[in-house]
Structures are given as C-alpha cells and as structure tokens.
Amino acid sequence: MKEQLGKVRSIFFGREDHGILTFMVQVDFGGSTQGFGGYSLDIYDKELKRRVGHAAGTDLVLNLLNLFGVDELQRAEGMPVFAIRDEGWGGKIIGLRTPDFDGGREFLIKDWQKKWFPNEME
C-alpha cells in the first residue's frame, strides 16, 4: 500500500443522482484532487418501495467521524490526511489515515466491508 499526504478539500454526505445515500471525501494533493467514497449507505426496501437506512451506513459514518476526531463531518474540511492506495499514485483510494500528530487513526474500506458484507468479500 502507498500513502500520499493531502488535505481534506470537501466532504459530501447526501443523495447522489440516483437517490442513493452516499459520501465523498475530496482530498487535495496540491495540484490534483481525488475522491474517497461513493459507497451506498442505504438499501432498497422492496415492501416499502423506497430506500431506507442501514446499520452498515451508520457505522461507516461513525468510522469517518472517529477517524477525523470530529462530531460533524464538515469540520474535517481543511484537515491533513493520508490517502491510502493499494496501487501506485494513480490508484484508487482504499482508506484514509490521519497524521500521527493528529491521532494517527486509520480507516480502510475493506475492513468495513468484511465486517458488514463478509459473504461478498470472498
């Protein structure tokens, strides 16, 4: 895994254009920006015929709040953060880590996926 230091430029938390609840953390690397997120935080309920909340989505939001040590996601904007990639500098961001001076906390999406969707990780 490779890490690249950047700064949280913005955080989106809401519905994307298909109505799916999601998030996106935009990381500014001083000349380029890349997003981490886009994962569904809700599910479609066939009986209700609409999207509804899911514990996995709540857990992911809580993980992000804990990662940045904030009570509101927008308060993380401007904070330094390491983007963790499984491939080189152009690879997908698979997690985030705060610098040691800011707690050194880490969140990897695969750990969250294994916890909530173990059968889909095989």
Protein backbone atom coordinates (compact mmCIF):
# COMPACT_ATOMS: atom_id res chain seq x y z
CA MET A 1 0.00 0.00 0.00
CA LYS A 2 1.12 3.53 -0.70
CA GLU A 3 0.23 6.71 1.16
CA GLN A 4 0.07 10.27 -0.09
CA LEU A 5 -0.38 13.26 2.19
CA GLY A 6 -3.12 15.67 1.26
CA LYS A 7 -5.74 17.92 2.78
CA VAL A 8 -9.50 17.33 3.01
CA ARG A 9 -10.91 19.78 0.48
CA SER A 10 -14.60 18.95 0.96
CA ILE A 11 -16.95 16.26 2.21
CA PHE A 12 -20.23 15.39 0.54
CA PHE A 13 -22.84 13.45 2.51
CA GLY A 14 -26.22 13.06 0.87
CA ARG A 15 -28.09 11.52 -2.05
CA GLU A 16 -26.39 11.10 -5.39
CA ASP A 17 -28.28 11.48 -8.67
CA HIS A 18 -29.93 8.03 -8.41
CA GLY A 19 -31.23 8.73 -4.90
CA ILE A 20 -28.64 6.55 -3.14
CA LEU A 21 -27.33 7.88 0.17
CA THR A 22 -23.56 8.16 -0.09
CA PHE A 23 -20.50 10.19 0.86
CA MET A 24 -17.38 11.52 -0.84
CA VAL A 25 -14.24 12.87 0.82
CA GLN A 26 -12.33 15.03 -1.68
CA VAL A 27 -8.59 15.05 -0.92
CA ASP A 28 -6.46 17.88 -2.33
CA PHE A 29 -2.87 16.92 -3.10
CA GLY A 30 -1.74 20.40 -4.15
CA GLY A 31 -2.27 20.24 -7.88
CA SER A 32 -4.67 17.31 -8.09
CA THR A 33 -7.74 16.16 -6.20
CA GLN A 34 -9.14 12.67 -5.76
CA GLY A 35 -12.25 11.38 -4.02
CA PHE A 36 -12.70 8.61 -1.49
CA GLY A 37 -16.21 7.24 -1.13
CA GLY A 38 -19.21 6.66 -3.32
CA TYR A 39 -20.30 3.63 -1.30
CA SER A 40 -24.01 3.09 -0.67
CA LEU A 41 -25.06 3.91 2.89
CA ASP A 42 -28.65 2.70 2.49
CA ILE A 43 -30.60 -0.17 0.91
CA TYR A 44 -33.73 -0.52 -1.20
CA ASP A 45 -36.73 -1.94 0.67
CA LYS A 46 -38.97 -3.80 -1.81
CA GLU A 47 -42.00 -3.75 0.50
CA LEU A 48 -41.80 -0.02 1.15
CA LYS A 49 -40.68 0.64 -2.44
CA ARG A 50 -38.07 3.15 -1.30
CA ARG A 51 -34.55 3.41 0.05
CA VAL A 52 -34.15 3.03 3.82
CA GLY A 53 -31.32 3.41 6.30
CA HIS A 54 -28.98 0.54 7.11
CA ALA A 55 -26.76 -0.07 10.15
CA ALA A 56 -23.72 -0.52 7.90
CA GLY A 57 -24.14 3.02 6.58
CA THR A 58 -24.42 4.45 10.07
CA ASP A 59 -21.32 2.51 11.09
CA LEU A 60 -19.36 3.91 8.15
CA VAL A 61 -20.31 7.49 9.05
CA LEU A 62 -19.30 6.85 12.67
CA ASN A 63 -15.97 5.47 11.44
CA LEU A 64 -15.34 8.67 9.48
CA LEU A 65 -16.25 10.84 12.48
CA ASN A 66 -13.86 8.82 14.66
CA LEU A 67 -11.13 8.93 12.02
CA PHE A 68 -11.13 12.72 11.94
CA GLY A 69 -11.96 13.15 15.64
CA VAL A 70 -14.94 15.39 14.88
CA ASP A 71 -18.65 15.49 15.71
CA GLU A 72 -19.66 16.84 12.27
CA LEU A 73 -18.08 15.62 9.02
CA GLN A 74 -17.77 19.15 7.61
CA ARG A 75 -15.38 20.00 10.48
CA ALA A 76 -12.83 17.70 8.84
CA GLU A 77 -12.54 20.04 5.85
CA GLY A 78 -9.04 21.51 5.76
CA MET A 79 -7.53 18.74 7.89
CA PRO A 80 -4.39 16.91 6.75
CA VAL A 81 -4.95 13.27 5.79
CA PHE A 82 -3.04 10.45 4.15
CA ALA A 83 -4.79 8.77 1.21
CA ILE A 84 -4.03 5.04 1.27
CA ARG A 85 -3.89 3.30 -2.09
CA ASP A 86 -3.41 -0.36 -2.94
CA GLU A 87 -1.64 0.61 -6.16
CA GLY A 88 0.64 3.46 -7.20
CA TRP A 89 -0.16 7.17 -7.06
CA GLY A 90 -2.88 6.86 -9.67
CA GLY A 91 -4.64 4.00 -7.87
CA LYS A 92 -7.99 4.01 -6.13
CA ILE A 93 -8.09 5.38 -2.57
CA ILE A 94 -8.92 2.43 -0.31
CA GLY A 95 -8.60 4.20 3.02
CA LEU A 96 -7.59 7.28 4.94
CA ARG A 97 -5.19 7.88 7.82
CA THR A 98 -4.68 10.97 9.94
CA PRO A 99 -1.09 12.05 10.60
CA ASP A 100 0.47 10.92 13.88
CA PHE A 101 0.35 14.48 15.28
CA ASP A 102 -3.42 14.40 14.69
CA GLY A 103 -4.12 10.98 16.22
CA GLY A 104 -2.74 8.59 13.61
CA ARG A 105 -6.16 6.95 13.16
CA GLU A 106 -6.85 4.81 10.09
CA PHE A 107 -9.95 3.69 8.22
CA LEU A 108 -9.73 1.05 5.47
CA ILE A 109 -12.87 0.40 3.43
CA LYS A 110 -12.07 -3.33 3.16
CA ASP A 111 -12.23 -3.71 6.97
CA TRP A 112 -15.70 -2.14 6.98
CA GLN A 113 -16.79 -4.33 4.06
CA LYS A 114 -15.53 -7.50 5.78
CA LYS A 115 -17.46 -6.60 8.93
CA TRP A 116 -20.78 -5.90 7.21
CA PHE A 117 -20.63 -7.92 3.99
CA PRO A 118 -18.36 -10.93 4.68
CA ASN A 119 -20.02 -13.18 2.08
CA GLU A 120 -19.43 -10.61 -0.66
CA MET A 121 -15.70 -10.40 0.13
CA GLU A 122 -14.87 -13.99 -0.84
